[in-house]
Amino acid sequence: MAEAARREDWPRTVAEFQAWHARQPERWEFIDGHPRLMAPASMKHSIIKSNAFAALHAALAGTPCTALVDGPQILTDEISAIPDVVVTCAPIDLSTPVIAEPVIIVEVMSPSSEADDAARK
């Protein structure tokens, strides 16, 4: 019953989600009109994500582009997501976690996250 009441209070827009998420101790994403709790990564997930970041970081050396891992947020009118790795070639605004101009977004998929990672995001 408490879970049902909580869901009624959940944000319904990205703007509502941003305010709500700022008060949460956990990391959440907002996909398809619903908050989704981010589960801790498995060891396999962490290794794949680290390898993707390392490869992109090395490939981007000497360019104005930057690969970022664990934290940068992608924000649109419909989604607030925290990808595994993101690349931007725009200047980074250190006052916000939002990457305004991502050029590459990497999501390491698992069977439980595949529908969101491949389709909705």
C-alpha atoms as a PDB file:
ATOM      1  CA  MET A   1       0.000   0.000   0.000  1.00  0.00           C
ATOM      2  CA  ALA A   2       2.804   2.430   0.846  1.00  0.00           C
ATOM      3  CA  GLU A   3       4.441   1.687  -2.538  1.00  0.00           C
ATOM      4  CA  ALA A   4       1.177   2.455  -4.377  1.00  0.00           C
ATOM      5  CA  ALA A   5       0.818   5.758  -2.515  1.00  0.00           C
ATOM      6  CA  ARG A   6       4.410   6.640  -3.303  1.00  0.00           C
ATOM      7  CA  ARG A   7       3.866   5.985  -7.009  1.00  0.00           C
ATOM      8  CA  GLU A   8       0.926   8.379  -7.040  1.00  0.00           C
ATOM      9  CA  ASP A   9       3.278  11.067  -5.724  1.00  0.00           C
ATOM     10  CA  TRP A  10       5.957  10.351  -8.309  1.00  0.00           C
ATOM     11  CA  PRO A  11       6.815  13.047 -10.847  1.00  0.00           C
ATOM     12  CA  ARG A  12       5.087  12.960 -14.200  1.00  0.00           C
ATOM     13  CA  THR A  13       7.282  15.373 -16.179  1.00  0.00           C
ATOM     14  CA  VAL A  14      11.022  15.850 -16.544  1.00  0.00           C
ATOM     15  CA  ALA A  15      10.796  19.188 -14.721  1.00  0.00           C
ATOM     16  CA  GLU A  16       8.975  17.575 -11.781  1.00  0.00           C
ATOM     17  CA  PHE A  17      11.475  14.716 -11.852  1.00  0.00           C
ATOM     18  CA  GLN A  18      14.470  17.070 -11.645  1.00  0.00           C
ATOM     19  CA  ALA A  19      13.128  18.667  -8.459  1.00  0.00           C
ATOM     20  CA  TRP A  20      12.108  15.293  -7.007  1.00  0.00           C
ATOM     21  CA  HIS A  21      15.424  13.608  -7.879  1.00  0.00           C
ATOM     22  CA  ALA A  22      17.426  16.328  -6.132  1.00  0.00           C
ATOM     23  CA  ARG A  23      15.843  15.160  -2.857  1.00  0.00           C
ATOM     24  CA  GLN A  24      16.534  11.433  -3.359  1.00  0.00           C
ATOM     25  CA  PRO A  25      19.519   9.630  -1.829  1.00  0.00           C
ATOM     26  CA  GLU A  26      19.604   7.128  -4.728  1.00  0.00           C
ATOM     27  CA  ARG A  27      20.334   7.641  -8.415  1.00  0.00           C
ATOM     28  CA  TRP A  28      17.235   7.575 -10.600  1.00  0.00           C
ATOM     29  CA  GLU A  29      16.446   8.065 -14.270  1.00  0.00           C
ATOM     30  CA  PHE A  30      13.190   9.293 -15.787  1.00  0.00           C
ATOM     31  CA  ILE A  31      12.186   7.207 -18.783  1.00  0.00           C
ATOM     32  CA  ASP A  32       8.853   6.849 -20.540  1.00  0.00           C
ATOM     33  CA  GLY A  33       7.151   9.089 -17.976  1.00  0.00           C
ATOM     34  CA  HIS A  34       8.296   7.089 -14.930  1.00  0.00           C
ATOM     35  CA  PRO A  35      11.154   7.302 -12.433  1.00  0.00           C
ATOM     36  CA  ARG A  36      13.398   4.235 -12.578  1.00  0.00           C
ATOM     37  CA  LEU A  37      15.826   3.383  -9.806  1.00  0.00           C
ATOM     38  CA  MET A  38      19.319   2.667 -11.072  1.00  0.00           C
ATOM     39  CA  ALA A  39      20.516  -0.699  -9.790  1.00  0.00           C
ATOM     40  CA  PRO A  40      24.116  -1.168  -8.700  1.00  0.00           C
ATOM     41  CA  ALA A  41      26.288  -2.338 -11.582  1.00  0.00           C
ATOM     42  CA  SER A  42      27.530  -5.905 -11.765  1.00  0.00           C
ATOM     43  CA  MET A  43      31.252  -6.535 -12.051  1.00  0.00           C
ATOM     44  CA  LYS A  44      30.834  -7.464 -15.749  1.00  0.00           C
ATOM     45  CA  HIS A  45      28.932  -4.224 -16.349  1.00  0.00           C
ATOM     46  CA  SER A  46      31.662  -2.196 -14.610  1.00  0.00           C
ATOM     47  CA  ILE A  47      34.430  -3.826 -16.640  1.00  0.00           C
ATOM     48  CA  ILE A  48      32.648  -3.283 -19.961  1.00  0.00           C
ATOM     49  CA  LYS A  49      31.871   0.334 -19.066  1.00  0.00           C
ATOM     50  CA  SER A  50      35.485   0.959 -18.018  1.00  0.00           C
ATOM     51  CA  ASN A  51      36.787  -0.560 -21.249  1.00  0.00           C
ATOM     52  CA  ALA A  52      34.408   1.549 -23.365  1.00  0.00           C
ATOM     53  CA  PHE A  53      35.478   4.704 -21.527  1.00  0.00           C
ATOM     54  CA  ALA A  54      39.202   3.859 -21.859  1.00  0.00           C
ATOM     55  CA  ALA A  55      38.887   3.197 -25.597  1.00  0.00           C
ATOM     56  CA  LEU A  56      36.961   6.420 -26.221  1.00  0.00           C
ATOM     57  CA  HIS A  57      39.273   8.461 -23.987  1.00  0.00           C
ATOM     58  CA  ALA A  58      42.316   7.197 -25.891  1.00  0.00           C
ATOM     59  CA  ALA A  59      40.699   7.727 -29.296  1.00  0.00           C
ATOM     60  CA  LEU A  60      39.756  11.308 -28.420  1.00  0.00           C
ATOM     61  CA  ALA A  61      43.236  12.371 -27.285  1.00  0.00           C
ATOM     62  CA  GLY A  62      44.231  15.577 -29.040  1.00  0.00           C
ATOM     63  CA  THR A  63      40.638  16.492 -29.967  1.00  0.00           C
ATOM     64  CA  PRO A  64      38.306  18.966 -28.299  1.00  0.00           C
ATOM     65  CA  CYS A  65      36.054  16.047 -27.318  1.00  0.00           C
ATOM     66  CA  THR A  66      35.826  14.504 -23.854  1.00  0.00           C
ATOM     67  CA  ALA A  67      34.637  11.083 -22.702  1.00  0.00           C
ATOM     68  CA  LEU A  68      32.892  11.082 -19.322  1.00  0.00           C
ATOM     69  CA  VAL A  69      31.787   8.214 -17.120  1.00  0.00           C
ATOM     70  CA  ASP A  70      29.546   7.806 -14.046  1.00  0.00           C
ATOM     71  CA  GLY A  71      27.467  10.864 -13.545  1.00  0.00           C
ATOM     72  CA  PRO A  72      26.904  13.114 -16.523  1.00  0.00           C
ATOM     73  CA  GLN A  73      23.218  13.433 -17.266  1.00  0.00           C
ATOM     74  CA  ILE A  74      21.381  13.571 -20.577  1.00  0.00           C
ATOM     75  CA  LEU A  75      18.290  15.744 -20.333  1.00  0.00           C
ATOM     76  CA  THR A  76      15.547  16.227 -22.926  1.00  0.00           C
ATOM     77  CA  ASP A  77      11.888  17.209 -22.721  1.00  0.00           C
ATOM     78  CA  GLU A  78      11.050  13.523 -22.208  1.00  0.00           C
ATOM     79  CA  ILE A  79      14.055  11.843 -20.565  1.00  0.00           C
ATOM     80  CA  SER A  80      16.505  12.359 -17.748  1.00  0.00           C
ATOM     81  CA  ALA A  81      19.126   9.627 -18.075  1.00  0.00           C
ATOM     82  CA  ILE A  82      22.569   8.879 -16.717  1.00  0.00           C
ATOM     83  CA  PRO A  83      24.407   6.887 -19.399  1.00  0.00           C
ATOM     84  CA  ASP A  84      27.376   4.658 -18.673  1.00  0.00           C
ATOM     85  CA  VAL A  85      29.674   6.738 -20.887  1.00  0.00           C
ATOM     86  CA  VAL A  86      29.008   9.950 -22.804  1.00  0.00           C
ATOM     87  CA  VAL A  87      31.153  11.938 -25.220  1.00  0.00           C
ATOM     88  CA  THR A  88      30.763  15.646 -25.835  1.00  0.00           C
ATOM     89  CA  CYS A  89      32.768  17.981 -28.026  1.00  0.00           C
ATOM     90  CA  ALA A  90      31.206  21.107 -26.528  1.00  0.00           C
ATOM     91  CA  PRO A  91      32.726  23.013 -23.613  1.00  0.00           C
ATOM     92  CA  ILE A  92      31.741  21.378 -20.315  1.00  0.00           C
ATOM     93  CA  ASP A  93      29.720  23.484 -17.888  1.00  0.00           C
ATOM     94  CA  LEU A  94      31.049  22.500 -14.466  1.00  0.00           C
ATOM     95  CA  SER A  95      28.058  24.073 -12.699  1.00  0.00           C
ATOM     96  CA  THR A  96      25.681  21.331 -13.884  1.00  0.00           C
ATOM     97  CA  PRO A  97      25.772  17.557 -14.348  1.00  0.00           C
ATOM     98  CA  VAL A  98      23.892  17.938 -17.651  1.00  0.00           C
ATOM     99  CA  ILE A  99      25.716  17.355 -20.929  1.00  0.00           C
ATOM    100  CA  ALA A 100      23.949  19.684 -23.350  1.00  0.00           C
ATOM    101  CA  GLU A 101      25.470  18.344 -26.567  1.00  0.00           C
ATOM    102  CA  PRO A 102      26.271  14.621 -26.363  1.00  0.00           C
ATOM    103  CA  VAL A 103      27.737  13.122 -29.533  1.00  0.00           C
ATOM    104  CA  ILE A 104      28.117   9.527 -28.300  1.00  0.00           C
ATOM    105  CA  ILE A 105      26.059   7.823 -25.606  1.00  0.00           C
ATOM    106  CA  VAL A 106      27.109   4.374 -24.401  1.00  0.00           C
ATOM    107  CA  GLU A 107      24.783   2.109 -22.445  1.00  0.00           C
ATOM    108  CA  VAL A 108      25.943  -1.319 -21.321  1.00  0.00           C
ATOM    109  CA  MET A 109      22.832  -3.444 -21.591  1.00  0.00           C
ATOM    110  CA  SER A 110      21.723  -6.313 -19.427  1.00  0.00           C
ATOM    111  CA  PRO A 111      18.625  -8.463 -19.897  1.00  0.00           C
ATOM    112  CA  SER A 112      16.796  -6.415 -17.246  1.00  0.00           C
ATOM    113  CA  SER A 113      17.666  -3.022 -18.781  1.00  0.00           C
ATOM    114  CA  GLU A 114      17.634  -3.857 -22.495  1.00  0.00           C
ATOM    115  CA  ALA A 115      14.129  -2.523 -23.227  1.00  0.00           C
ATOM    116  CA  ASP A 116      14.902   0.877 -21.692  1.00  0.00           C
ATOM    117  CA  ASP A 117      18.496   1.138 -22.905  1.00  0.00           C
ATOM    118  CA  ALA A 118      17.896   0.104 -26.513  1.00  0.00           C
ATOM    119  CA  ALA A 119      14.481   1.560 -27.223  1.00  0.00           C
ATOM    120  CA  ARG A 120      13.296   4.243 -24.848  1.00  0.00           C
ATOM    121  CA  LYS A 121      16.617   5.960 -24.179  1.00  0.00           C
END
